[in-house]
Protein backbone atom coordinates (compact mmCIF):
# COMPACT_ATOMS: atom_id res chain seq x y z
CA UNK A 1 0.00 0.00 0.00
CA UNK A 2 1.26 3.47 -0.83
CA UNK A 3 -0.13 5.69 1.96
CA UNK A 4 0.94 8.91 0.21
CA UNK A 5 -0.94 8.05 -2.97
CA UNK A 6 -3.99 6.78 -1.11
CA UNK A 7 -4.13 9.84 1.15
CA UNK A 8 -3.94 12.18 -1.84
CA UNK A 9 -6.67 10.27 -3.70
CA UNK A 10 -8.97 10.18 -0.68
CA UNK A 11 -9.01 6.37 -0.54
CA UNK A 12 -7.07 3.94 1.61
CA UNK A 13 -6.48 0.43 0.30
CA UNK A 14 -7.15 -2.43 2.74
CA UNK A 15 -6.76 -6.17 2.18
CA UNK A 16 -10.55 -6.37 2.14
CA UNK A 17 -11.07 -3.44 -0.27
CA UNK A 18 -10.72 0.31 0.11
CA UNK A 19 -12.37 3.05 2.10
CA UNK A 20 -12.75 6.79 1.63
CA UNK A 21 -10.51 8.90 3.83
CA UNK A 22 -12.35 11.98 5.17
CA UNK A 23 -10.70 15.31 4.43
CA UNK A 24 -8.15 16.32 7.04
CA UNK A 25 -7.32 12.72 8.01
CA UNK A 26 -3.89 11.13 7.60
CA UNK A 27 -3.15 7.44 7.01
CA UNK A 28 -1.47 6.10 10.16
CA UNK A 29 -2.57 2.54 9.49
CA UNK A 30 -1.31 -0.22 11.80
CA UNK A 31 -0.99 -3.86 10.79
CA UNK A 32 -0.64 -6.41 13.60
CA UNK A 33 0.37 -10.03 13.01
CA UNK A 34 -0.12 -12.42 15.93
CA UNK A 35 1.57 -15.85 16.10
CA UNK A 36 -0.27 -19.03 17.00
CA UNK A 37 1.91 -19.30 20.12
CA UNK A 38 2.75 -15.81 21.45
CA UNK A 39 4.83 -17.24 24.31
CA UNK A 40 7.31 -18.64 21.79
CA UNK A 41 7.14 -16.24 18.84
CA UNK A 42 6.89 -12.45 18.70
CA UNK A 43 3.94 -10.33 17.69
CA UNK A 44 4.86 -8.42 14.54
CA UNK A 45 3.49 -5.03 13.61
CA UNK A 46 3.88 -2.34 11.00
CA UNK A 47 2.84 1.24 11.69
CA UNK A 48 3.03 4.47 9.75
CA UNK A 49 3.93 7.92 11.04
CA UNK A 50 5.00 11.36 9.90
CA UNK A 51 8.21 13.08 10.88
CA UNK A 52 8.02 16.65 12.13
CA UNK A 53 8.80 19.32 9.55
CA UNK A 54 12.54 19.27 8.84
CA UNK A 55 13.15 16.35 11.23
CA UNK A 56 15.85 13.81 10.32
CA UNK A 57 15.41 10.08 10.85
CA UNK A 58 17.91 10.01 13.78
CA UNK A 59 16.06 12.94 15.43
CA UNK A 60 12.73 11.12 14.93
CA UNK A 61 14.16 8.00 16.61
CA UNK A 62 15.48 10.08 19.53
CA UNK A 63 12.06 11.75 19.94
CA UNK A 64 10.29 8.39 19.87
CA UNK A 65 12.72 6.91 22.43
CA UNK A 66 11.99 9.81 24.80
CA UNK A 67 8.25 9.23 24.32
CA UNK A 68 8.56 5.49 25.00
CA UNK A 69 10.62 6.15 28.13
CA UNK A 70 7.87 8.46 29.46
CA UNK A 71 4.97 6.16 28.58
CA UNK A 72 6.26 2.64 29.25
CA UNK A 73 7.17 1.56 32.80
CA UNK A 74 10.74 0.34 33.11
CA UNK A 75 11.59 1.21 29.48
CA UNK A 76 15.27 0.52 28.85
CA UNK A 77 17.20 0.90 25.60
CA UNK A 78 19.26 -2.28 25.05
CA UNK A 79 20.84 -1.40 21.72
CA UNK A 80 20.68 0.75 18.62
CA UNK A 81 21.94 -0.01 15.10
CA UNK A 82 21.05 0.27 11.41
CA UNK A 83 18.80 -2.15 9.54
CA UNK A 84 17.56 -2.83 6.01
CA UNK A 85 14.02 -3.23 4.68
CA UNK A 86 13.68 -5.24 1.47
CA UNK A 87 16.44 -6.51 -0.79
CA UNK A 88 18.45 -5.38 -3.78
CA UNK A 89 18.43 -1.94 -5.36
CA UNK A 90 15.12 -0.93 -3.78
CA UNK A 91 16.12 -1.85 -0.21
CA UNK A 92 15.72 0.93 2.36
CA UNK A 93 18.22 1.71 5.11
CA UNK A 94 16.86 2.64 8.50
CA UNK A 95 17.50 2.73 12.22
CA UNK A 96 16.81 -0.09 14.69
CA UNK A 97 16.35 -0.05 18.44
CA UNK A 98 16.14 -2.96 20.87
CA UNK A 99 14.47 -2.25 24.20
CA UNK A 100 12.56 -3.78 27.05
CA UNK A 101 9.73 -2.55 29.27
CA UNK A 102 7.23 -3.83 31.80
CA UNK A 103 3.63 -4.77 31.12
CA UNK A 104 2.33 -5.51 34.59
CA UNK A 105 4.66 -8.13 36.08
CA UNK A 106 5.91 -9.27 32.67
CA UNK A 107 9.02 -7.89 30.96
CA UNK A 108 8.55 -7.49 27.21
CA UNK A 109 11.34 -7.11 24.70
CA UNK A 110 10.81 -5.12 21.54
CA UNK A 111 12.79 -4.55 18.38
CA UNK A 112 11.74 -1.65 16.18
CA UNK A 113 13.18 -0.45 12.90
CA UNK A 114 12.18 2.81 11.22
CA UNK A 115 12.48 3.48 7.50
CA UNK A 116 11.67 6.55 5.40
CA UNK A 117 9.32 5.40 2.65
CA UNK A 118 8.66 8.92 1.30
CA UNK A 119 9.77 12.40 2.35
CA UNK A 120 8.58 12.84 5.94
CA UNK A 121 6.83 9.44 6.00
CA UNK A 122 8.07 6.66 8.28
CA UNK A 123 7.30 2.96 8.24
CA UNK A 124 7.95 1.34 11.64
CA UNK A 125 8.38 -2.43 11.83
CA UNK A 126 8.22 -3.99 15.32
CA UNK A 127 8.56 -7.39 16.97
CA UNK A 128 7.49 -7.79 20.60
CA UNK A 129 8.02 -10.87 22.77
CA UNK A 130 8.28 -11.90 26.43
CA UNK A 131 11.36 -14.01 25.54
CA UNK A 132 15.00 -13.03 25.11
CA UNK A 133 16.03 -12.45 21.51
CA UNK A 134 17.84 -15.52 20.19
CA UNK A 135 18.98 -16.89 16.82
CA UNK A 136 15.40 -17.91 15.95
CA UNK A 137 14.14 -14.39 16.69
CA UNK A 138 16.92 -12.87 14.57
CA UNK A 139 16.16 -15.25 11.67
CA UNK A 140 12.44 -14.41 11.82
CA UNK A 141 13.22 -10.66 11.98
CA UNK A 142 15.65 -10.77 9.04
CA UNK A 143 13.21 -12.79 6.91
CA UNK A 144 10.31 -10.48 7.73
CA UNK A 145 12.30 -7.36 6.77
CA UNK A 146 13.78 -8.96 3.62
CA UNK A 147 10.31 -9.96 2.42
CA UNK A 148 9.26 -6.31 1.99
CA UNK A 149 8.35 -5.31 -1.57
CA UNK A 150 7.47 -1.76 -2.57
CA UNK A 151 3.89 -1.10 -3.66
CA UNK A 152 3.34 -0.58 -7.37
CA UNK A 153 2.58 3.05 -8.12
CA UNK A 154 -0.43 3.95 -10.25
CA UNK A 155 1.90 5.53 -12.83
CA UNK A 156 4.01 2.36 -13.14
CA UNK A 157 0.91 0.16 -13.37
CA UNK A 158 -0.55 2.40 -16.10
CA UNK A 159 2.48 1.76 -18.27
């Protein structure tokens, strides 16, 4: 889905069809993918956001980290690095954070990677689990990110 195109056209494409977007609304769609066994595999999600005017990707990540620290009990940054969404010439470079926080008595671990998909438009990919990240988690994460394919634009589809 190309949120920029859909927002401009007034329609948002969903797996089930499309829906008209009222004037003044912005596409901040969230997709959540839940495993059959959430105690042994992470929940995966994809969200969309806008950067502030003139904000760089590193500044966006810093702002989001500050927000998470304020809103999530026991939030702790475990690591920060770069990551890649997709493969080949169209792959996007982005920034990744690994953190943990409390949800009641349970400690959750989360990996998030942020990629600019259009000027000022961010795509955030997340994996959240109660387990420590291990080789299986890393393999799942890498495969999920590599599987990304850019949406076909209307212009390209028209020929």
